[in-house]
N, C-alpha and C. Protein backbone atom coordinates (compact mmCIF):
# COMPACT_ATOMS: atom_id res chain seq x y z
N GLN A 1 -81.05 -18.46 22.66
CA GLN A 1 -80.26 -19.55 23.31
C GLN A 1 -79.84 -20.52 22.35
N GLY A 2 -78.73 -21.01 22.36
CA GLY A 2 -77.98 -21.95 21.28
C GLY A 2 -77.68 -21.24 20.08
N GLN A 3 -76.78 -21.70 19.42
CA GLN A 3 -76.16 -21.10 18.15
C GLN A 3 -75.92 -22.27 17.18
N CYS A 4 -75.96 -21.86 15.87
CA CYS A 4 -75.68 -23.05 14.87
C CYS A 4 -74.14 -23.10 14.87
N SER A 5 -73.72 -24.21 15.21
CA SER A 5 -72.34 -24.59 15.20
C SER A 5 -71.76 -25.04 13.77
N GLY A 6 -72.58 -25.38 12.90
CA GLY A 6 -72.21 -26.00 11.67
C GLY A 6 -71.90 -27.35 11.75
N ALA A 7 -72.04 -28.01 12.86
CA ALA A 7 -71.74 -29.40 13.19
C ALA A 7 -73.00 -30.29 13.21
N THR A 8 -74.23 -29.60 13.26
CA THR A 8 -75.37 -30.40 13.40
C THR A 8 -76.37 -30.28 12.09
N THR A 9 -77.43 -31.30 12.18
CA THR A 9 -78.21 -31.20 10.94
C THR A 9 -79.53 -30.59 11.16
N PHE A 10 -79.52 -29.57 12.24
CA PHE A 10 -80.75 -28.84 12.37
C PHE A 10 -80.33 -27.54 13.13
N ASP A 11 -81.21 -26.58 13.09
CA ASP A 11 -81.01 -25.25 13.59
C ASP A 11 -81.33 -25.25 15.03
N SER A 12 -80.42 -25.14 15.86
CA SER A 12 -80.67 -25.24 17.49
C SER A 12 -80.78 -23.84 18.14
N THR A 13 -80.93 -22.82 17.21
CA THR A 13 -81.14 -21.51 17.76
C THR A 13 -82.45 -21.30 18.31
N GLU A 14 -82.53 -20.81 19.56
CA GLU A 14 -83.81 -20.35 20.16
C GLU A 14 -83.67 -18.84 20.35
N CYS A 15 -84.60 -18.08 19.86
CA CYS A 15 -84.52 -16.72 20.11
C CYS A 15 -85.30 -16.39 21.54
N VAL A 16 -84.59 -15.54 22.23
CA VAL A 16 -85.15 -15.16 23.57
C VAL A 16 -85.38 -13.60 23.65
N ALA A 17 -86.58 -13.19 24.00
CA ALA A 17 -86.84 -11.77 24.07
C ALA A 17 -85.96 -10.90 24.94
N CYS A 18 -85.55 -9.78 24.49
CA CYS A 18 -84.83 -8.93 25.37
C CYS A 18 -85.72 -8.16 26.24
N LEU A 19 -85.24 -7.68 27.37
CA LEU A 19 -85.98 -7.02 28.35
C LEU A 19 -86.32 -5.63 27.73
N ASP A 20 -87.60 -5.24 27.81
CA ASP A 20 -88.18 -3.97 27.25
C ASP A 20 -87.85 -2.80 28.18
N THR A 21 -88.04 -3.06 29.41
CA THR A 21 -88.05 -1.91 30.44
C THR A 21 -87.37 -2.33 31.59
N CYS A 22 -86.86 -1.41 32.37
CA CYS A 22 -86.19 -1.81 33.69
C CYS A 22 -87.07 -1.45 34.84
N GLY A 23 -88.14 -0.85 34.54
CA GLY A 23 -89.15 -0.41 35.70
C GLY A 23 -88.76 1.09 36.14
N ALA A 24 -89.78 1.77 36.51
CA ALA A 24 -89.58 3.24 36.93
C ALA A 24 -88.40 3.26 37.97
N GLY A 25 -87.66 4.29 37.82
CA GLY A 25 -86.55 4.48 38.87
C GLY A 25 -85.27 3.87 38.21
N ASN A 26 -85.25 3.21 37.19
CA ASN A 26 -84.00 2.56 36.64
C ASN A 26 -83.94 2.91 35.04
N TYR A 27 -82.70 2.61 34.60
CA TYR A 27 -82.42 2.84 33.21
C TYR A 27 -81.74 1.60 32.74
N LYS A 28 -81.51 1.42 31.32
CA LYS A 28 -80.88 0.31 30.75
C LYS A 28 -79.40 0.71 30.56
N ALA A 29 -78.45 0.38 31.34
CA ALA A 29 -77.05 0.65 31.14
C ALA A 29 -76.47 -0.21 29.93
N VAL A 30 -76.89 -1.32 29.81
CA VAL A 30 -76.59 -2.23 28.82
C VAL A 30 -77.75 -2.78 27.96
N THR A 31 -77.82 -2.56 26.83
CA THR A 31 -78.96 -3.06 26.13
C THR A 31 -78.74 -4.32 25.17
N CYS A 32 -79.73 -5.01 25.02
CA CYS A 32 -79.72 -6.29 24.27
C CYS A 32 -79.94 -6.02 22.83
N ASP A 33 -79.08 -6.44 21.94
CA ASP A 33 -79.19 -6.23 20.50
C ASP A 33 -79.45 -7.38 19.62
N GLY A 34 -79.63 -8.53 20.38
CA GLY A 34 -79.95 -9.73 19.62
C GLY A 34 -78.72 -10.49 19.04
N SER A 35 -77.55 -10.07 19.31
CA SER A 35 -76.35 -10.66 18.73
C SER A 35 -75.76 -11.68 19.64
N THR A 36 -76.42 -11.82 20.84
CA THR A 36 -75.94 -12.83 21.76
C THR A 36 -77.01 -13.86 21.88
N GLY A 37 -76.74 -14.98 22.64
CA GLY A 37 -77.76 -16.04 22.77
C GLY A 37 -78.45 -15.73 24.12
N GLU A 38 -78.28 -14.64 24.64
CA GLU A 38 -78.96 -14.35 25.98
C GLU A 38 -79.24 -12.84 26.04
N ASP A 39 -80.13 -12.60 27.00
CA ASP A 39 -80.44 -11.15 27.39
C ASP A 39 -79.45 -10.59 28.14
N VAL A 40 -78.71 -9.69 27.55
CA VAL A 40 -77.55 -9.04 28.43
C VAL A 40 -77.96 -7.68 29.02
N THR A 41 -79.27 -7.41 28.90
CA THR A 41 -79.61 -6.01 29.40
C THR A 41 -79.32 -5.88 30.88
N GLN A 42 -78.78 -4.75 31.27
CA GLN A 42 -78.46 -4.49 32.79
C GLN A 42 -79.24 -3.18 33.13
N CYS A 43 -80.10 -3.28 34.17
CA CYS A 43 -80.72 -2.28 34.70
C CYS A 43 -79.91 -1.56 35.88
N VAL A 44 -79.98 -0.25 35.99
CA VAL A 44 -79.12 0.53 36.96
C VAL A 44 -80.22 1.58 37.49
N ALA A 45 -80.11 1.64 38.90
CA ALA A 45 -80.79 2.65 39.47
C ALA A 45 -80.53 4.05 39.08
N CYS A 46 -81.54 4.92 38.98
CA CYS A 46 -81.36 6.25 38.60
C CYS A 46 -81.09 7.05 39.87
N THR A 47 -80.50 8.25 39.77
CA THR A 47 -80.31 9.16 40.88
C THR A 47 -81.62 9.26 41.73
N ALA A 48 -81.43 9.00 43.05
CA ALA A 48 -82.77 9.00 43.83
C ALA A 48 -82.64 10.12 44.83
N SER A 49 -81.51 10.70 45.04
CA SER A 49 -81.52 11.89 46.00
C SER A 49 -80.22 12.76 45.62
N CYS A 50 -80.31 13.97 46.06
CA CYS A 50 -79.24 14.95 45.85
C CYS A 50 -78.76 15.39 47.27
N GLU A 51 -77.75 16.23 47.19
CA GLU A 51 -77.24 16.83 48.33
C GLU A 51 -78.28 17.97 48.91
N THR A 52 -78.17 18.22 50.08
CA THR A 52 -79.01 19.22 50.65
C THR A 52 -78.82 20.44 49.84
N ASN A 53 -79.97 21.29 49.75
CA ASN A 53 -79.89 22.50 48.85
C ASN A 53 -79.94 22.32 47.35
N PHE A 54 -80.27 21.02 46.94
CA PHE A 54 -80.53 20.68 45.59
C PHE A 54 -81.74 19.92 45.45
N TYR A 55 -82.47 19.89 44.30
CA TYR A 55 -83.59 19.04 44.11
C TYR A 55 -83.40 18.14 42.79
N LEU A 56 -84.29 17.12 42.69
CA LEU A 56 -84.05 16.26 41.62
C LEU A 56 -84.89 16.82 40.35
N ASP A 57 -84.24 16.68 39.10
CA ASP A 57 -84.97 17.23 37.90
C ASP A 57 -84.75 16.22 36.91
N GLY A 58 -85.85 15.92 36.17
CA GLY A 58 -85.84 14.97 35.15
C GLY A 58 -86.81 13.68 35.43
N THR A 59 -86.74 12.77 34.35
CA THR A 59 -87.69 11.64 34.76
C THR A 59 -86.83 10.36 34.37
N CYS A 60 -87.25 9.21 35.13
CA CYS A 60 -86.46 7.99 34.96
C CYS A 60 -87.62 6.92 34.93
N ASP A 61 -88.20 6.73 33.70
CA ASP A 61 -89.39 5.76 33.49
C ASP A 61 -88.99 4.40 33.16
N GLY A 62 -87.68 3.98 33.10
CA GLY A 62 -87.17 2.69 32.88
C GLY A 62 -87.23 2.29 31.45
N LEU A 63 -87.33 3.25 30.58
CA LEU A 63 -87.33 2.93 29.23
C LEU A 63 -85.93 3.40 28.66
N GLY A 64 -85.45 4.45 29.29
CA GLY A 64 -84.28 5.20 28.75
C GLY A 64 -82.95 4.26 28.94
N THR A 65 -81.96 4.84 28.26
CA THR A 65 -80.53 4.17 28.35
C THR A 65 -79.48 5.07 29.10
N ALA A 66 -80.07 5.96 29.81
CA ALA A 66 -79.11 6.97 30.63
C ALA A 66 -79.87 7.47 31.73
N ASP A 67 -79.25 7.82 32.82
CA ASP A 67 -79.70 8.42 34.07
C ASP A 67 -80.17 9.97 33.60
N ASN A 68 -81.35 10.20 33.45
CA ASN A 68 -81.84 11.51 33.04
C ASN A 68 -82.20 12.28 34.25
N ILE A 69 -81.85 12.00 35.31
CA ILE A 69 -82.03 12.78 36.59
C ILE A 69 -80.91 13.49 36.89
N SER A 70 -81.07 14.82 37.17
CA SER A 70 -79.90 15.68 37.48
C SER A 70 -80.16 16.46 38.80
N CYS A 71 -79.30 16.96 39.52
CA CYS A 71 -79.42 17.62 40.73
C CYS A 71 -79.30 19.12 40.39
N VAL A 72 -80.36 19.82 40.68
CA VAL A 72 -80.36 21.40 40.36
C VAL A 72 -80.34 22.22 41.56
N GLY A 73 -79.50 23.19 41.63
CA GLY A 73 -79.34 23.98 42.88
C GLY A 73 -80.74 24.73 43.19
N CYS A 74 -81.08 24.75 44.43
CA CYS A 74 -82.17 25.61 44.90
C CYS A 74 -81.84 27.07 45.04
N LYS A 75 -82.84 27.96 45.09
CA LYS A 75 -82.48 29.43 45.21
C LYS A 75 -81.94 29.57 46.54
N THR A 76 -81.38 30.72 46.70
CA THR A 76 -80.83 31.22 47.88
C THR A 76 -81.52 32.45 48.45
N CYS A 77 -81.68 32.60 49.59
CA CYS A 77 -82.29 33.86 50.13
C CYS A 77 -81.38 35.00 50.19
N SER A 78 -82.08 36.13 50.01
CA SER A 78 -81.36 37.38 50.07
C SER A 78 -81.00 38.00 51.46
N ARG A 79 -80.11 38.96 51.45
CA ARG A 79 -79.97 39.57 52.93
C ARG A 79 -81.33 40.12 53.25
N GLY A 80 -81.47 40.00 54.52
CA GLY A 80 -82.77 40.50 55.28
C GLY A 80 -83.81 39.34 55.28
N GLU A 81 -83.40 38.15 54.58
CA GLU A 81 -84.45 36.97 54.54
C GLU A 81 -83.77 35.84 55.35
N TYR A 82 -84.68 34.74 55.55
CA TYR A 82 -84.15 33.63 56.20
C TYR A 82 -84.84 32.50 55.50
N LEU A 83 -84.36 31.26 55.50
CA LEU A 83 -84.93 30.18 55.04
C LEU A 83 -86.00 29.42 56.00
N SER A 84 -87.25 29.67 55.58
CA SER A 84 -88.30 29.14 56.34
C SER A 84 -88.61 27.66 55.90
N SER A 85 -88.21 27.31 54.64
CA SER A 85 -88.29 26.06 54.08
C SER A 85 -87.21 25.80 53.18
N TRP A 86 -86.52 24.63 53.17
CA TRP A 86 -85.39 24.43 52.41
C TRP A 86 -85.53 23.23 51.52
N CYS A 87 -84.52 23.02 50.64
CA CYS A 87 -84.43 21.75 49.75
C CYS A 87 -83.62 20.77 50.57
N ASN A 88 -84.26 19.56 50.69
CA ASN A 88 -83.65 18.45 51.47
C ASN A 88 -83.03 17.42 50.56
N GLY A 89 -83.02 17.67 49.19
CA GLY A 89 -82.26 16.86 48.31
C GLY A 89 -83.23 15.72 47.80
N THR A 90 -84.35 15.47 48.21
CA THR A 90 -85.38 14.59 47.70
C THR A 90 -86.50 15.02 46.97
N ALA A 91 -86.75 16.39 46.90
CA ALA A 91 -88.03 16.87 46.27
C ALA A 91 -87.71 16.91 44.75
N THR A 92 -88.73 17.13 43.92
CA THR A 92 -88.60 17.26 42.65
C THR A 92 -88.89 18.73 42.20
N SER A 93 -88.73 19.65 43.03
CA SER A 93 -88.91 21.06 42.74
C SER A 93 -88.20 21.93 43.69
N ASP A 94 -87.96 23.13 43.36
CA ASP A 94 -87.28 23.86 44.43
C ASP A 94 -88.42 24.27 45.49
N THR A 95 -88.01 23.79 46.75
CA THR A 95 -88.96 23.93 47.89
C THR A 95 -88.58 25.14 48.85
N VAL A 96 -87.48 25.90 48.40
CA VAL A 96 -87.05 26.88 49.24
C VAL A 96 -88.17 27.92 49.38
N VAL A 97 -88.34 28.41 50.68
CA VAL A 97 -89.19 29.65 50.93
C VAL A 97 -88.37 30.49 51.77
N CYS A 98 -88.39 31.81 51.28
CA CYS A 98 -87.54 32.85 51.95
C CYS A 98 -88.53 33.74 52.66
N SER A 99 -88.33 33.93 53.89
CA SER A 99 -89.23 34.87 54.76
C SER A 99 -88.43 36.04 55.21
N ASN A 100 -89.04 37.10 55.29
CA ASN A 100 -88.39 38.41 55.66
C ASN A 100 -88.08 38.36 57.15
N CYS A 101 -86.89 38.82 57.45
CA CYS A 101 -86.56 38.86 58.91
C CYS A 101 -87.27 40.01 59.46
N THR A 102 -87.43 40.09 60.85
CA THR A 102 -88.08 41.15 61.57
C THR A 102 -87.03 42.39 61.61
N GLU A 103 -87.58 43.47 61.31
CA GLU A 103 -86.78 44.71 61.41
C GLU A 103 -87.08 45.41 62.74
N CYS A 104 -85.99 45.60 63.53
CA CYS A 104 -86.22 46.21 64.68
C CYS A 104 -86.22 47.76 64.57
N GLU A 105 -87.07 48.43 65.37
CA GLU A 105 -87.09 49.82 65.25
C GLU A 105 -85.99 50.39 66.13
N GLN A 106 -85.53 51.60 65.82
CA GLN A 106 -84.45 52.09 66.56
C GLN A 106 -84.94 53.26 67.54
């Protein structure tokens, strides 16, 4: 806070610590480099959900400067199988379970 203007007889500069972390689930979109008189750090929420049939991959611990969460496609079932459990877009792993369809005797 404050900067030396050259018109005073004292140093009015007050250093303010920059935000270290944004907290889990967020990343620092703008970081503070000490060149301004204030903390300009901007925290932004990381990806929290994906579309159905995708799951969340990566971590967002609040220390990074980018959204490291990506949406990864879940596996698909083959012919003769059905989805007995699917990806709802909020899981952190592929939760698809494929079960065999009943085969009818002829």
